[in-house]
Amino acid sequence: MKKFSRKYRLLTVFSALLLPLALLAASSCNLLPASFLQQYLPPRPPASLTAVPVSTINKSIQLVRPGTVETTALVPVIAELAGYLSELYVTEGQAVKAGQPLLKLRPAAEPAAAPAGQDAQSNYEQALREFNRDQKLYEIGAIPKRQLELATAKLQQAKAGVTASPNTLPAAGTTFNAPVSGIVSGLPVPGKTVQAGQQLLVLGSGQEVEVVVQLNQNDLYLVHLGTPVTVEAGQQPIPGQVARIYPQVTDNQIPAFLAHLALTPPPAGLLQPGMSVTVRIDTGAAATVPAVPSSAIVRDDQGQSFIYLAANGKAVRQQITTGETSGELTEITSALPPESMVIAAPADEISDGAAITVIQ
C-alpha cells in the first residue's frame, strides 16, 4: 500500500510538471487558443516601464517651394499694343539671333470700337496699382530702389498718355523680332489675348543661370533679400540667397511675387534653363512643435511608426507620423490624445495591451 501511495504521489508531481509544458507546446503549434492556455498558466507580472509626457522642440521654419532655372541677364519683349498672339516662331530654350522673328500679334476682335482714351486710362490705372504695390514693397526692403524707379517712370508715361487717342495694331498684325541675341524663355500660350505693356517673353544671355521661385504675400513676412536658400538639383544641394523680389501680375489678380535666387557657382552644366528644381528657404524663424524621445519610437516591417502610451495600467499602441529629429527628441506631426504619457524605454519589448507599471 505504501509503494502504491508513493508511486501515486510521484505520478501526481510528474503530471503537474508536465501539464504546463504540454499546454505550452500545444499553444506554440496553434493546437490550442491562447485564451485556453492563459487559464492554466500563472499571469505575467506587470512590466516596470518609464513613461514621460509629450515634450516640445524648437523647429526652424523652412519653406519648400518649386523653382525654375532661368538665365540671369534677361531682356523683356513687351507688347506695345493690345492684341492676341496669332503665331509663335520660336520654342522655349531656343537660341535666337538679333532681328530673328519671334511671334506675331494681331488686333483682337472687338464687337464695338472702344471709346477714345479707354486703353490709355486702363494702362494708367494698372501702372498706378503697380506703383503703389512697389512702393510698399520698397518700404519693407522686398525690392531694390531700381525697381521702384522703373514703376515711377512707367506711371509717368501712362499718365502722359491718358488723353491721347488709342493706337491699334494693323489688320495684318505686327511681327516682333528679337532685339538682341539670346535664349528664349517665358513664352506665352498661342491665341492668348495680351494687353499693351504686357511682357511677351524674355531673352537671356545663356551664360549664367539663376533660380526663380514664386511666393505668396504671406511668405514676404519670412523671406527677405539675403535670406539663405538651398537648391536641390538631382542629388546635389547648391547654396544661395534671395537676390531680388519682384511682384508678379497673375491672371486671377491674386498677389504673387517672384524671388530671384543668386547661387554659389554650381558645377558646369548642372543647371540648365527650363529645369525644375526644389528650393528650401531657411527663414531664420522657429516654431514650437510636439516631440517624444527617439527611443520610444518603434517601426514595423511596413515602415509604419508607433509609440506606446501608458493608459490605465496598460500599454496602448499609437500609430504616428514623425518629422525632424533634434538631439534625443523626434518631432511628432500627427495628433496625440490629450495629456498622453509616452512609454520611453524599452519600447521594443512592449506589446499592445500588456499590463505595465509606470516608474519615474
Protein backbone atom coordinates (compact mmCIF):
# COMPACT_ATOMS: atom_id res chain seq x y z
CA MET A 1 0.00 0.00 0.00
CA LYS A 2 2.87 2.36 0.82
CA LYS A 3 4.53 1.62 -2.51
CA PHE A 4 1.29 2.40 -4.32
CA SER A 5 0.91 5.68 -2.42
CA ARG A 6 4.49 6.69 -3.21
CA LYS A 7 4.03 5.92 -6.91
CA TYR A 8 0.77 7.88 -6.94
CA ARG A 9 2.46 10.95 -5.42
CA LEU A 10 5.31 10.75 -7.94
CA LEU A 11 2.82 10.46 -10.77
CA THR A 12 0.89 13.48 -9.49
CA VAL A 13 4.03 15.61 -9.25
CA PHE A 14 5.21 14.50 -12.68
CA SER A 15 1.80 15.31 -14.19
CA ALA A 16 1.77 18.74 -12.56
CA LEU A 17 5.14 19.49 -14.12
CA LEU A 18 4.31 18.01 -17.49
CA LEU A 19 0.90 19.66 -17.98
CA PRO A 20 2.15 23.28 -18.38
CA LEU A 21 4.84 22.10 -20.78
CA ALA A 22 2.30 20.18 -22.82
CA LEU A 23 -0.08 23.14 -22.90
CA LEU A 24 2.72 25.49 -23.91
CA ALA A 25 3.82 23.16 -26.72
CA ALA A 26 0.23 22.81 -27.95
CA SER A 27 -0.23 26.57 -27.97
CA SER A 28 3.00 27.16 -29.86
CA CYS A 29 1.78 24.74 -32.53
CA ASN A 30 -1.58 26.59 -32.67
CA LEU A 31 -3.37 23.47 -31.37
CA LEU A 32 -4.99 25.43 -28.55
CA PRO A 33 -6.24 29.03 -28.40
CA ALA A 34 -4.23 31.49 -26.32
CA SER A 35 -7.24 32.16 -24.08
CA PHE A 36 -7.34 28.46 -23.11
CA LEU A 37 -3.67 28.47 -22.23
CA GLN A 38 -3.98 31.57 -20.06
CA GLN A 39 -6.42 29.72 -17.79
CA TYR A 40 -3.69 27.30 -16.66
CA LEU A 41 -0.55 29.46 -16.73
CA PRO A 42 0.17 32.00 -13.99
CA PRO A 43 -0.30 35.64 -15.16
CA ARG A 44 2.81 37.59 -16.01
CA PRO A 45 3.68 40.36 -13.57
CA PRO A 46 3.25 43.91 -14.94
CA ALA A 47 6.37 45.24 -16.66
CA SER A 48 8.01 48.21 -14.94
CA LEU A 49 8.47 50.95 -17.53
CA THR A 50 9.31 54.64 -17.70
CA ALA A 51 6.67 57.00 -19.12
CA VAL A 52 7.14 60.70 -19.86
CA PRO A 53 4.80 63.47 -21.03
CA VAL A 54 4.98 64.75 -24.60
CA SER A 55 7.81 67.28 -24.89
CA THR A 56 8.46 70.11 -27.36
CA ILE A 57 11.33 71.26 -29.55
CA ASN A 58 12.02 74.49 -31.41
CA LYS A 59 11.91 73.71 -35.12
CA SER A 60 13.32 76.05 -37.74
CA ILE A 61 10.65 77.17 -40.20
CA GLN A 62 11.74 76.15 -43.68
CA LEU A 63 9.70 76.89 -46.78
CA VAL A 64 9.88 74.32 -49.57
CA ARG A 65 8.90 75.65 -52.98
CA PRO A 66 9.28 74.50 -56.60
CA GLY A 67 11.64 76.64 -58.63
CA THR A 68 12.65 77.11 -62.25
CA VAL A 69 16.13 77.66 -63.66
CA GLU A 70 16.35 80.78 -65.85
CA THR A 71 19.11 82.81 -67.44
CA THR A 72 20.18 85.79 -65.35
CA ALA A 73 20.64 88.51 -67.98
CA LEU A 74 17.08 88.99 -69.23
CA VAL A 75 15.80 91.33 -71.93
CA PRO A 76 11.98 91.52 -71.91
CA VAL A 77 9.98 91.73 -75.14
CA ILE A 78 6.95 93.93 -74.43
CA ALA A 79 3.66 94.24 -76.32
CA GLU A 80 3.33 97.92 -77.16
CA LEU A 81 -0.32 97.50 -78.20
CA ALA A 82 -3.13 95.15 -77.21
CA GLY A 83 -3.91 92.14 -79.40
CA TYR A 84 -3.81 88.36 -79.49
CA LEU A 85 -0.89 86.04 -80.16
CA SER A 86 -1.62 84.56 -83.58
CA GLU A 87 1.74 82.97 -84.46
CA LEU A 88 4.75 81.77 -82.49
CA TYR A 89 8.02 81.26 -84.36
CA VAL A 90 10.31 80.08 -81.53
CA THR A 91 10.32 77.48 -78.73
CA GLU A 92 11.27 77.55 -75.05
CA GLY A 93 15.04 77.46 -74.59
CA GLN A 94 15.78 78.19 -78.28
CA ALA A 95 18.81 80.33 -79.11
CA VAL A 96 17.93 83.23 -81.42
CA LYS A 97 19.89 85.98 -83.12
CA ALA A 98 19.15 89.69 -83.04
CA GLY A 99 16.48 90.55 -85.64
CA GLN A 100 15.08 86.99 -85.81
CA PRO A 101 11.23 86.85 -85.84
CA LEU A 102 9.78 85.72 -82.52
CA LEU A 103 5.99 85.99 -82.77
CA LYS A 104 3.11 87.87 -84.38
CA LEU A 105 0.31 89.84 -82.75
CA ARG A 106 -2.98 90.57 -84.50
CA PRO A 107 -5.67 93.00 -83.38
CA ALA A 108 -8.18 91.44 -81.03
CA ALA A 109 -11.71 91.21 -82.43
CA GLU A 110 -13.94 93.78 -80.73
CA PRO A 111 -17.75 93.93 -81.00
CA ALA A 112 -17.59 97.70 -80.99
CA ALA A 113 -14.89 100.33 -81.06
CA ALA A 114 -13.61 101.28 -77.65
CA PRO A 115 -14.12 104.89 -76.56
CA ALA A 116 -11.17 107.17 -77.18
CA GLY A 117 -8.70 107.15 -74.35
CA GLN A 118 -10.12 103.99 -72.74
CA ASP A 119 -6.98 101.90 -73.28
CA ALA A 120 -4.77 104.72 -72.03
CA GLN A 121 -6.88 105.12 -68.91
CA SER A 122 -6.70 101.37 -68.27
CA ASN A 123 -2.92 101.45 -68.67
CA TYR A 124 -2.69 104.36 -66.25
CA GLU A 125 -4.78 102.58 -63.62
CA GLN A 126 -2.66 99.45 -63.97
CA ALA A 127 0.57 101.46 -63.69
CA LEU A 128 -0.78 103.22 -60.62
CA ARG A 129 -1.61 99.91 -58.93
CA GLU A 130 1.87 98.57 -59.70
CA PHE A 131 3.49 101.76 -58.39
CA ASN A 132 1.55 101.62 -55.12
CA ARG A 133 2.44 97.96 -54.69
CA ASP A 134 6.13 98.51 -55.44
CA GLN A 135 6.27 101.46 -53.08
CA LYS A 136 5.04 99.28 -50.20
CA LEU A 137 7.49 96.53 -51.13
CA TYR A 138 10.37 99.01 -51.24
CA GLU A 139 9.47 100.30 -47.78
CA ILE A 140 9.85 96.80 -46.28
CA GLY A 141 13.03 96.07 -48.24
CA ALA A 142 11.49 93.49 -50.54
CA ILE A 143 12.61 95.13 -53.81
CA PRO A 144 15.58 97.31 -54.78
CA LYS A 145 15.29 101.05 -55.41
CA ARG A 146 15.77 100.48 -59.14
CA GLN A 147 12.51 98.53 -59.29
CA LEU A 148 10.62 101.44 -57.70
CA GLU A 149 12.21 103.89 -60.14
CA LEU A 150 11.03 101.78 -63.08
CA ALA A 151 7.49 101.73 -61.68
CA THR A 152 7.60 105.51 -61.25
CA ALA A 153 8.73 106.04 -64.84
CA LYS A 154 6.02 103.70 -66.13
CA LEU A 155 3.38 105.59 -64.15
CA GLN A 156 4.53 108.94 -65.54
CA GLN A 157 4.47 107.59 -69.08
CA ALA A 158 0.97 106.16 -68.63
CA LYS A 159 -0.26 109.42 -67.10
CA ALA A 160 1.00 111.40 -70.08
CA GLY A 161 -0.92 109.16 -72.47
CA VAL A 162 -4.29 109.31 -70.71
CA THR A 163 -5.65 111.97 -73.05
CA ALA A 164 -4.09 110.53 -76.21
CA SER A 165 -6.16 108.53 -78.71
CA PRO A 166 -5.52 104.78 -78.53
CA ASN A 167 -3.46 103.14 -81.21
CA THR A 168 -4.39 99.79 -82.76
CA LEU A 169 -2.46 97.05 -84.46
CA PRO A 170 -2.68 96.90 -88.26
CA ALA A 171 -5.12 94.32 -89.58
CA ALA A 172 -2.27 92.17 -90.92
CA GLY A 173 -0.70 92.07 -87.47
CA THR A 174 2.75 93.02 -86.22
CA THR A 175 5.78 90.73 -86.10
CA PHE A 176 8.08 91.10 -83.10
CA ASN A 177 11.77 90.50 -83.77
CA ALA A 178 14.48 89.69 -81.22
CA PRO A 179 16.10 92.95 -80.05
CA VAL A 180 19.27 91.06 -79.05
CA SER A 181 20.70 87.58 -79.42
CA GLY A 182 19.80 85.28 -76.56
CA ILE A 183 17.92 82.29 -75.15
CA VAL A 184 14.10 82.34 -75.29
CA SER A 185 12.13 81.77 -72.07
CA GLY A 186 8.74 82.63 -70.62
CA LEU A 187 6.77 82.02 -73.81
CA PRO A 188 3.02 82.81 -73.75
CA VAL A 189 0.29 80.48 -75.00
CA PRO A 190 -0.66 80.97 -78.69
CA GLY A 191 -4.11 82.51 -79.12
CA LYS A 192 -3.94 84.31 -75.78
CA THR A 193 -5.01 87.95 -75.64
CA VAL A 194 -2.35 90.35 -74.36
CA GLN A 195 -2.61 93.92 -73.13
CA ALA A 196 -0.45 96.89 -74.01
CA GLY A 197 2.66 96.87 -71.84
CA GLN A 198 2.44 93.15 -71.08
CA GLN A 199 5.60 91.05 -71.24
CA LEU A 200 5.52 88.56 -74.11
CA LEU A 201 8.77 86.70 -73.44
CA VAL A 202 12.32 87.29 -72.28
CA LEU A 203 15.71 86.78 -73.88
CA GLY A 204 18.64 85.70 -71.72
CA SER A 205 22.35 85.66 -72.31
CA GLY A 206 22.55 81.91 -71.70
CA GLN A 207 25.87 82.34 -69.92
CA GLU A 208 24.71 82.31 -66.29
CA VAL A 209 21.63 80.94 -64.62
CA GLU A 210 19.54 81.71 -61.57
CA VAL A 211 16.55 80.07 -59.91
CA VAL A 212 13.18 81.81 -59.73
CA VAL A 213 10.63 80.87 -57.06
CA GLN A 214 7.03 82.04 -56.77
CA LEU A 215 5.99 83.35 -53.34
CA ASN A 216 2.66 84.42 -51.95
CA GLN A 217 2.04 87.56 -49.95
CA ASN A 218 2.31 85.81 -46.56
CA ASP A 219 5.76 84.47 -47.48
CA LEU A 220 7.12 88.03 -47.52
CA TYR A 221 6.92 88.14 -43.72
CA LEU A 222 9.56 85.38 -43.63
CA VAL A 223 11.55 85.84 -46.85
CA HIS A 224 13.70 88.92 -47.44
CA LEU A 225 16.67 89.99 -49.50
CA GLY A 226 19.65 87.91 -48.37
CA THR A 227 17.57 85.03 -46.93
CA PRO A 228 19.67 81.83 -47.36
CA VAL A 229 18.36 79.08 -49.62
CA THR A 230 19.36 75.61 -50.75
CA VAL A 231 18.54 74.46 -54.28
CA GLU A 232 18.23 70.71 -54.81
CA ALA A 233 19.19 69.67 -58.33
CA GLY A 234 19.29 65.90 -58.53
CA GLN A 235 21.31 64.68 -55.55
CA GLN A 236 23.43 67.79 -55.19
CA PRO A 237 22.44 70.74 -52.95
CA ILE A 238 23.50 74.21 -54.11
CA PRO A 239 23.58 77.07 -51.57
CA GLY A 240 22.48 80.58 -52.42
CA GLN A 241 20.42 83.53 -51.23
CA VAL A 242 17.47 85.69 -52.26
CA ALA A 243 18.83 88.42 -54.53
CA ARG A 244 15.67 90.15 -55.82
CA ILE A 245 11.91 90.01 -55.24
CA TYR A 246 9.55 91.35 -57.91
CA PRO A 247 5.75 91.49 -57.97
CA GLN A 248 4.02 89.24 -60.47
CA VAL A 249 0.75 90.05 -62.24
CA THR A 250 -1.39 86.90 -62.36
CA ASP A 251 -4.49 86.22 -64.43
CA ASN A 252 -6.72 85.93 -61.35
CA GLN A 253 -5.25 89.09 -59.78
CA ILE A 254 -4.06 87.19 -56.67
CA PRO A 255 -0.96 88.96 -55.26
CA ALA A 256 2.14 86.92 -56.07
CA PHE A 257 5.86 87.59 -56.16
CA LEU A 258 8.90 86.14 -57.88
CA ALA A 259 12.06 85.66 -55.83
CA HIS A 260 15.27 85.52 -57.87
CA LEU A 261 17.98 83.46 -56.18
CA ALA A 262 21.69 84.06 -56.58
CA LEU A 263 23.57 80.76 -56.31
CA THR A 264 27.09 79.74 -55.41
CA PRO A 265 28.54 78.76 -58.81
CA PRO A 266 27.36 75.15 -59.35
CA PRO A 267 29.34 72.54 -61.31
CA ALA A 268 29.38 73.33 -65.01
CA GLY A 269 26.34 72.02 -66.83
CA LEU A 270 24.42 71.03 -63.68
CA LEU A 271 21.71 73.69 -64.11
CA GLN A 272 20.14 74.37 -67.47
CA PRO A 273 17.46 76.95 -68.37
CA GLY A 274 13.99 75.46 -68.07
CA MET A 275 14.94 72.87 -65.43
CA SER A 276 12.63 72.35 -62.45
CA VAL A 277 14.28 72.24 -59.02
CA THR A 278 13.27 72.12 -55.36
CA VAL A 279 14.13 75.14 -53.22
CA ARG A 280 14.42 75.10 -49.43
CA ILE A 281 14.25 78.58 -47.92
CA ASP A 282 15.74 78.96 -44.42
CA THR A 283 13.63 81.75 -42.93
CA GLY A 284 15.55 82.03 -39.65
CA ALA A 285 12.26 81.80 -37.72
CA ALA A 286 11.30 78.92 -35.42
CA ALA A 287 8.14 77.27 -34.12
CA THR A 288 7.44 75.07 -31.09
CA VAL A 289 6.32 71.55 -32.08
CA PRO A 290 5.49 68.39 -30.05
CA ALA A 291 8.20 65.74 -29.72
CA VAL A 292 8.87 62.42 -27.97
CA PRO A 293 12.07 60.54 -27.10
CA SER A 294 13.51 58.92 -30.21
CA SER A 295 13.98 55.69 -28.22
CA ALA A 296 10.19 55.48 -27.75
CA ILE A 297 9.52 55.13 -31.48
CA VAL A 298 9.10 51.64 -32.95
CA ARG A 299 8.91 50.89 -36.67
CA ASP A 300 7.35 47.78 -38.18
CA ASP A 301 8.24 45.86 -41.33
CA GLN A 302 5.97 48.11 -43.43
CA GLY A 303 7.81 51.24 -42.31
CA GLN A 304 4.96 52.47 -40.08
CA SER A 305 5.97 54.30 -36.90
CA PHE A 306 4.39 53.67 -33.48
CA ILE A 307 4.74 54.66 -29.87
CA TYR A 308 3.20 53.10 -26.77
CA LEU A 309 1.12 55.21 -24.41
CA ALA A 310 0.62 54.38 -20.75
CA ALA A 311 -3.14 54.36 -20.04
CA ASN A 312 -4.94 52.75 -17.08
CA GLY A 313 -2.11 50.34 -16.32
CA LYS A 314 -1.77 49.10 -19.89
CA ALA A 315 0.41 49.81 -22.93
CA VAL A 316 -1.65 51.24 -25.80
CA ARG A 317 -0.14 51.20 -29.28
CA GLN A 318 -0.46 54.54 -31.13
CA GLN A 319 0.45 55.00 -34.80
CA ILE A 320 2.27 58.26 -35.51
CA THR A 321 3.99 60.25 -38.23
CA THR A 322 7.33 61.86 -37.50
CA GLY A 323 9.20 64.97 -38.56
CA GLU A 324 12.68 66.21 -37.76
CA THR A 325 14.96 64.89 -35.02
CA SER A 326 16.71 67.26 -32.63
CA GLY A 327 19.11 65.66 -30.18
CA GLU A 328 17.29 62.83 -28.38
CA LEU A 329 13.80 64.03 -29.37
CA THR A 330 11.84 63.45 -32.58
CA GLU A 331 9.04 65.70 -33.82
CA ILE A 332 5.52 64.20 -33.94
CA THR A 333 3.45 65.56 -36.82
CA SER A 334 0.28 63.55 -36.10
CA ALA A 335 -2.27 64.20 -33.35
CA LEU A 336 -1.94 62.55 -29.93
CA PRO A 337 -4.57 62.14 -27.18
CA PRO A 338 -4.56 64.96 -24.60
CA GLU A 339 -2.11 64.57 -21.70
CA SER A 340 -0.50 61.50 -23.28
CA MET A 341 2.15 59.66 -21.28
CA VAL A 342 4.67 58.09 -23.64
CA ILE A 343 6.49 54.90 -22.66
CA ALA A 344 10.11 55.87 -23.13
CA ALA A 345 12.01 52.59 -22.79
CA PRO A 346 12.37 49.78 -23.52
CA ALA A 347 9.77 50.37 -26.24
CA ASP A 348 10.83 47.39 -28.36
CA GLU A 349 9.89 44.93 -25.58
CA ILE A 350 6.24 46.01 -25.23
CA SER A 351 3.08 44.56 -26.75
CA ASP A 352 -0.25 46.27 -27.24
CA GLY A 353 -2.49 45.80 -24.19
CA ALA A 354 0.28 44.47 -21.94
CA ALA A 355 -0.02 45.20 -18.22
CA ILE A 356 2.55 47.77 -17.08
CA THR A 357 3.66 49.62 -14.01
CA VAL A 358 4.89 53.15 -14.64
CA ILE A 359 8.03 54.19 -12.80
CA GLN A 360 9.59 57.63 -12.84
